[in-house]
Amino acid sequence: MHILIIEDNEEIASYIVKNLIEHGHQADHVLRGDQGSEMAIAGNYHVLVVDRMLPGMDGLELIKKLREGGVQTPILILSSLGDLDNRVLGLNAGGDDYLAKPFAFSELLARLEALNRRHQSEALETVLVVGDLKMDLLKREVKRNEKPIELEPRAFSLLEYFMRHSNQVVTREMLLQNVWDYNFDPQTNVVDVHISRLRSKIDKDFDVQMLNTIRGAGWILSDADNR
């Protein structure tokens, strides 16, 4: 793995870099958040390790900037702020994992390797299939029983999330966080409206209704009609 360490504590950073190299990995290190942002955007890293409290740019601000700019590199947040509220803040900002200081290097390495494996697996999966419904992420095409289905960008993202979580109940909160990037419920019917439109696209004129409401829980996409 090629890992970028964005950490202003030189002693901690040196410890991480030294051990990563000893385990056969490449590691770069910067002290400032603004420098880390530039390197993360320009570089080809497998995982980023980001401290919360950084000069130049706060760790959460850095993560949000990267995500808004389309950088999908997995991020492990490393911080002495390890309470529940701060972990939630970090994950909601776009972090993929959160490790509190002090830490054992063996746990840090295990988490980095797990993030890299998961990201590589997701990156390789460019065609999603559920029953006779097929989505090509590279071509941005959706077909059901080989019949093309035209979807606007939001509907495409919504369907992608359902297909990645097929045969699972998907809640309103999951959709708001992962499709709309909301960390709160805006108390509108935006989700219901988009699901209704998506259902009319993928289920109309087909015998099996794939996208179904689970009363009181959410929705499920399945090739078995759950009505």
Protein backbone atom coordinates (compact mmCIF):
# COMPACT_ATOMS: atom_id res chain seq x y z
CA MET A 1 0.00 0.00 0.00
CA HIS A 2 0.98 3.63 -0.54
CA ILE A 3 -0.25 5.61 2.44
CA LEU A 4 -0.32 9.34 3.17
CA ILE A 5 0.02 10.32 6.84
CA ILE A 6 -1.35 13.79 7.65
CA GLU A 7 -0.25 14.26 11.26
CA ASP A 8 1.31 17.27 13.02
CA ASN A 9 2.87 15.21 15.82
CA GLU A 10 6.23 14.30 14.30
CA GLU A 11 6.94 11.60 16.87
CA ILE A 12 3.68 9.76 16.14
CA ALA A 13 4.08 10.23 12.39
CA SER A 14 7.66 8.91 12.42
CA TYR A 15 6.54 5.88 14.41
CA ILE A 16 3.79 5.10 11.89
CA VAL A 17 5.99 5.67 8.84
CA LYS A 18 8.83 3.55 10.25
CA ASN A 19 6.55 0.62 11.01
CA LEU A 20 4.71 0.81 7.69
CA ILE A 21 7.99 0.69 5.80
CA GLU A 22 9.14 -2.27 7.91
CA HIS A 23 5.94 -4.07 6.87
CA GLY A 24 6.66 -3.47 3.19
CA HIS A 25 4.48 -0.42 2.55
CA GLN A 26 5.23 3.06 1.19
CA ALA A 27 4.42 6.05 3.37
CA ASP A 28 4.54 9.82 2.88
CA HIS A 29 4.10 12.32 5.67
CA VAL A 30 3.03 15.96 5.91
CA LEU A 31 2.45 18.11 8.99
CA ARG A 32 -0.24 20.48 7.73
CA GLY A 33 -3.81 19.94 6.63
CA ASP A 34 -3.56 22.21 3.57
CA GLN A 35 -0.44 20.36 2.38
CA GLY A 36 -2.16 17.04 2.98
CA SER A 37 -5.15 18.12 0.93
CA GLU A 38 -2.95 19.03 -2.05
CA MET A 39 -1.02 15.75 -1.86
CA ALA A 40 -4.17 13.64 -1.48
CA ILE A 41 -5.69 15.25 -4.58
CA ALA A 42 -2.52 15.00 -6.65
CA GLY A 43 -1.20 11.65 -5.42
CA ASN A 44 -2.24 8.07 -6.00
CA TYR A 45 -2.68 6.79 -2.46
CA HIS A 46 -4.41 3.64 -1.31
CA VAL A 47 -5.35 5.00 2.14
CA LEU A 48 -5.07 8.32 4.01
CA VAL A 49 -4.42 8.66 7.74
CA VAL A 50 -5.73 12.03 8.94
CA ASP A 51 -5.34 13.64 12.35
CA ARG A 52 -8.30 15.68 13.62
CA MET A 53 -6.38 18.71 14.92
CA LEU A 54 -4.09 20.06 12.18
CA PRO A 55 -2.48 23.42 11.37
CA GLY A 56 -3.40 25.00 8.06
CA MET A 57 -6.68 23.09 7.74
CA ASP A 58 -8.66 21.15 10.32
CA GLY A 59 -8.90 17.41 9.72
CA LEU A 60 -12.68 17.43 9.29
CA GLU A 61 -12.50 20.36 6.89
CA LEU A 62 -9.82 18.51 4.92
CA ILE A 63 -11.94 15.38 4.64
CA LYS A 64 -15.03 17.30 3.56
CA LYS A 65 -13.00 19.13 0.90
CA LEU A 66 -11.65 15.86 -0.49
CA ARG A 67 -15.07 14.22 -0.62
CA GLU A 68 -16.67 17.27 -2.23
CA GLY A 69 -13.86 17.22 -4.80
CA GLY A 70 -14.58 13.60 -5.69
CA VAL A 71 -11.60 12.01 -3.93
CA GLN A 72 -12.80 8.57 -2.80
CA THR A 73 -9.56 7.32 -1.22
CA PRO A 74 -10.37 5.55 2.09
CA ILE A 75 -9.65 7.73 5.13
CA LEU A 76 -8.77 6.59 8.63
CA ILE A 77 -9.12 9.38 11.19
CA LEU A 78 -6.52 9.25 13.95
CA SER A 79 -7.30 11.44 16.95
CA SER A 80 -7.05 11.89 20.70
CA LEU A 81 -10.71 12.97 20.51
CA GLY A 82 -12.06 9.46 20.84
CA ASP A 83 -15.48 9.97 22.43
CA LEU A 84 -18.65 8.90 20.63
CA ASP A 85 -19.70 12.39 19.50
CA ASN A 86 -16.34 13.07 17.87
CA ARG A 87 -16.27 9.66 16.19
CA VAL A 88 -19.71 10.36 14.73
CA LEU A 89 -18.55 13.80 13.52
CA GLY A 90 -15.56 12.25 11.81
CA LEU A 91 -17.51 9.52 10.07
CA ASN A 92 -20.26 11.93 9.00
CA ALA A 93 -17.61 14.23 7.50
CA GLY A 94 -16.59 11.42 5.15
CA GLY A 95 -14.11 9.36 7.14
CA ASP A 96 -14.25 5.60 6.68
CA ASP A 97 -12.82 4.57 10.05
CA TYR A 98 -11.80 6.22 13.33
CA LEU A 99 -8.98 5.17 15.66
CA ALA A 100 -8.38 6.91 18.97
CA LYS A 101 -4.95 7.73 20.38
CA PRO A 102 -3.08 6.08 21.99
CA PHE A 103 -3.18 3.10 19.65
CA ALA A 104 -1.34 -0.12 18.88
CA PHE A 105 0.37 -0.20 15.49
CA SER A 106 -0.95 -3.72 14.87
CA GLU A 107 -4.52 -2.42 15.08
CA LEU A 108 -3.73 0.57 12.87
CA LEU A 109 -2.21 -1.69 10.22
CA ALA A 110 -5.14 -4.11 10.36
CA ARG A 111 -7.60 -1.26 9.86
CA LEU A 112 -5.61 0.20 6.96
CA GLU A 113 -5.43 -3.16 5.22
CA ALA A 114 -9.17 -3.71 5.73
CA LEU A 115 -9.99 -0.29 4.26
CA ASN A 116 -7.78 -0.97 1.25
CA ARG A 117 -9.31 -4.41 0.63
CA ARG A 118 -12.83 -3.01 0.81
CA HIS A 119 -12.03 -0.12 -1.50
CA GLN A 120 -10.33 -2.36 -4.07
CA SER A 121 -13.30 -4.72 -4.03
CA GLU A 122 -15.78 -1.88 -4.57
CA ALA A 123 -13.62 -0.32 -7.29
CA LEU A 124 -13.56 -3.58 -9.28
CA GLU A 125 -17.34 -3.96 -9.15
CA THR A 126 -18.43 -1.86 -12.12
CA VAL A 127 -21.46 -3.94 -13.14
CA LEU A 128 -24.24 -4.57 -10.62
CA VAL A 129 -26.86 -7.25 -11.24
CA VAL A 130 -30.01 -8.07 -9.28
CA GLY A 131 -32.27 -10.57 -11.06
CA ASP A 132 -32.93 -9.19 -14.56
CA LEU A 133 -31.93 -5.67 -13.50
CA LYS A 134 -28.43 -4.66 -14.61
CA MET A 135 -26.44 -1.46 -13.98
CA ASP A 136 -23.19 -0.65 -15.79
CA LEU A 137 -21.42 2.01 -13.72
CA LEU A 138 -18.82 2.83 -16.38
CA LYS A 139 -21.32 3.25 -19.20
CA ARG A 140 -23.93 4.76 -16.83
CA GLU A 141 -26.52 2.39 -18.28
CA VAL A 142 -29.43 0.60 -16.64
CA LYS A 143 -31.36 -2.23 -18.23
CA ARG A 144 -34.09 -4.57 -17.07
CA ASN A 145 -34.58 -7.71 -19.10
CA GLU A 146 -32.28 -5.97 -21.65
CA LYS A 147 -34.72 -3.05 -21.93
CA PRO A 148 -32.86 0.30 -21.49
CA ILE A 149 -34.05 2.49 -18.61
CA GLU A 150 -33.22 6.19 -18.62
CA LEU A 151 -32.46 7.62 -15.17
CA GLU A 152 -31.50 11.11 -14.03
CA PRO A 153 -28.30 11.34 -11.90
CA ARG A 154 -30.06 11.27 -8.52
CA ALA A 155 -32.20 8.29 -9.49
CA PHE A 156 -29.10 6.52 -10.80
CA SER A 157 -27.32 7.04 -7.46
CA LEU A 158 -30.43 5.92 -5.58
CA LEU A 159 -30.70 2.73 -7.61
CA GLU A 160 -26.97 2.06 -7.25
CA TYR A 161 -27.32 2.21 -3.46
CA PHE A 162 -30.30 -0.16 -3.52
CA MET A 163 -28.47 -2.59 -5.80
CA ARG A 164 -25.36 -2.59 -3.58
CA HIS A 165 -27.68 -3.42 -0.66
CA SER A 166 -30.05 -5.77 -2.47
CA ASN A 167 -32.16 -8.12 -0.35
CA GLN A 168 -31.55 -5.84 2.65
CA VAL A 169 -33.96 -3.39 4.24
CA VAL A 170 -32.76 0.13 3.47
CA THR A 171 -33.97 2.84 5.85
CA ARG A 172 -34.79 6.47 5.16
CA GLU A 173 -31.78 7.51 7.29
CA MET A 174 -29.42 5.33 5.21
CA LEU A 175 -30.64 6.96 2.00
CA LEU A 176 -30.46 10.49 3.36
CA GLN A 177 -26.87 9.97 4.51
CA ASN A 178 -25.54 8.01 1.55
CA VAL A 179 -27.48 9.36 -1.44
CA TRP A 180 -28.32 12.91 -0.35
CA ASP A 181 -25.36 13.45 2.03
CA TYR A 182 -27.74 14.69 4.73
CA ASN A 183 -26.79 14.01 8.34
CA PHE A 184 -30.27 14.94 9.47
CA ASP A 185 -33.85 14.33 8.39
CA PRO A 186 -35.11 17.46 6.56
CA GLN A 187 -38.67 16.37 7.37
CA THR A 188 -39.72 16.39 3.73
CA ASN A 189 -41.01 13.67 1.43
CA VAL A 190 -38.00 13.96 -0.91
CA VAL A 191 -37.05 10.30 -0.42
CA ASP A 192 -40.59 9.05 -1.01
CA VAL A 193 -40.95 11.12 -4.18
CA HIS A 194 -37.71 9.84 -5.67
CA ILE A 195 -38.46 6.24 -4.75
CA SER A 196 -41.90 6.53 -6.36
CA ARG A 197 -40.29 7.86 -9.56
CA LEU A 198 -37.61 5.16 -9.51
CA ARG A 199 -40.22 2.46 -8.99
CA SER A 200 -42.17 3.71 -11.99
CA LYS A 201 -39.00 3.40 -14.08
CA ILE A 202 -37.74 -0.03 -13.06
CA ASP A 203 -41.00 -1.85 -12.25
CA LYS A 204 -43.48 -0.49 -14.78
CA ASP A 205 -44.54 -3.06 -17.38
CA PHE A 206 -42.81 -5.92 -15.53
CA ASP A 207 -44.57 -8.79 -13.76
CA VAL A 208 -42.28 -8.76 -10.71
CA GLN A 209 -42.10 -5.58 -8.64
CA MET A 210 -38.53 -5.38 -7.38
CA LEU A 211 -38.60 -2.23 -5.23
CA ASN A 212 -41.00 -2.69 -2.35
CA THR A 213 -41.94 -0.84 0.82
CA ILE A 214 -41.43 -2.60 4.14
CA ARG A 215 -43.98 -0.87 6.34
CA GLY A 216 -42.45 0.88 9.33
CA ALA A 217 -38.89 -0.04 8.30
CA GLY A 218 -37.94 1.20 4.84
CA TRP A 219 -37.58 -0.36 1.40
CA ILE A 220 -36.04 -3.45 -0.15
CA LEU A 221 -34.81 -4.19 -3.66
CA SER A 222 -35.08 -7.85 -4.53
CA ASP A 223 -35.75 -10.08 -7.51
CA ALA A 224 -38.47 -11.74 -5.44
CA ASP A 225 -41.79 -9.84 -5.40
CA ASN A 226 -42.29 -8.87 -1.74
CA ARG A 227 -45.69 -7.23 -2.10
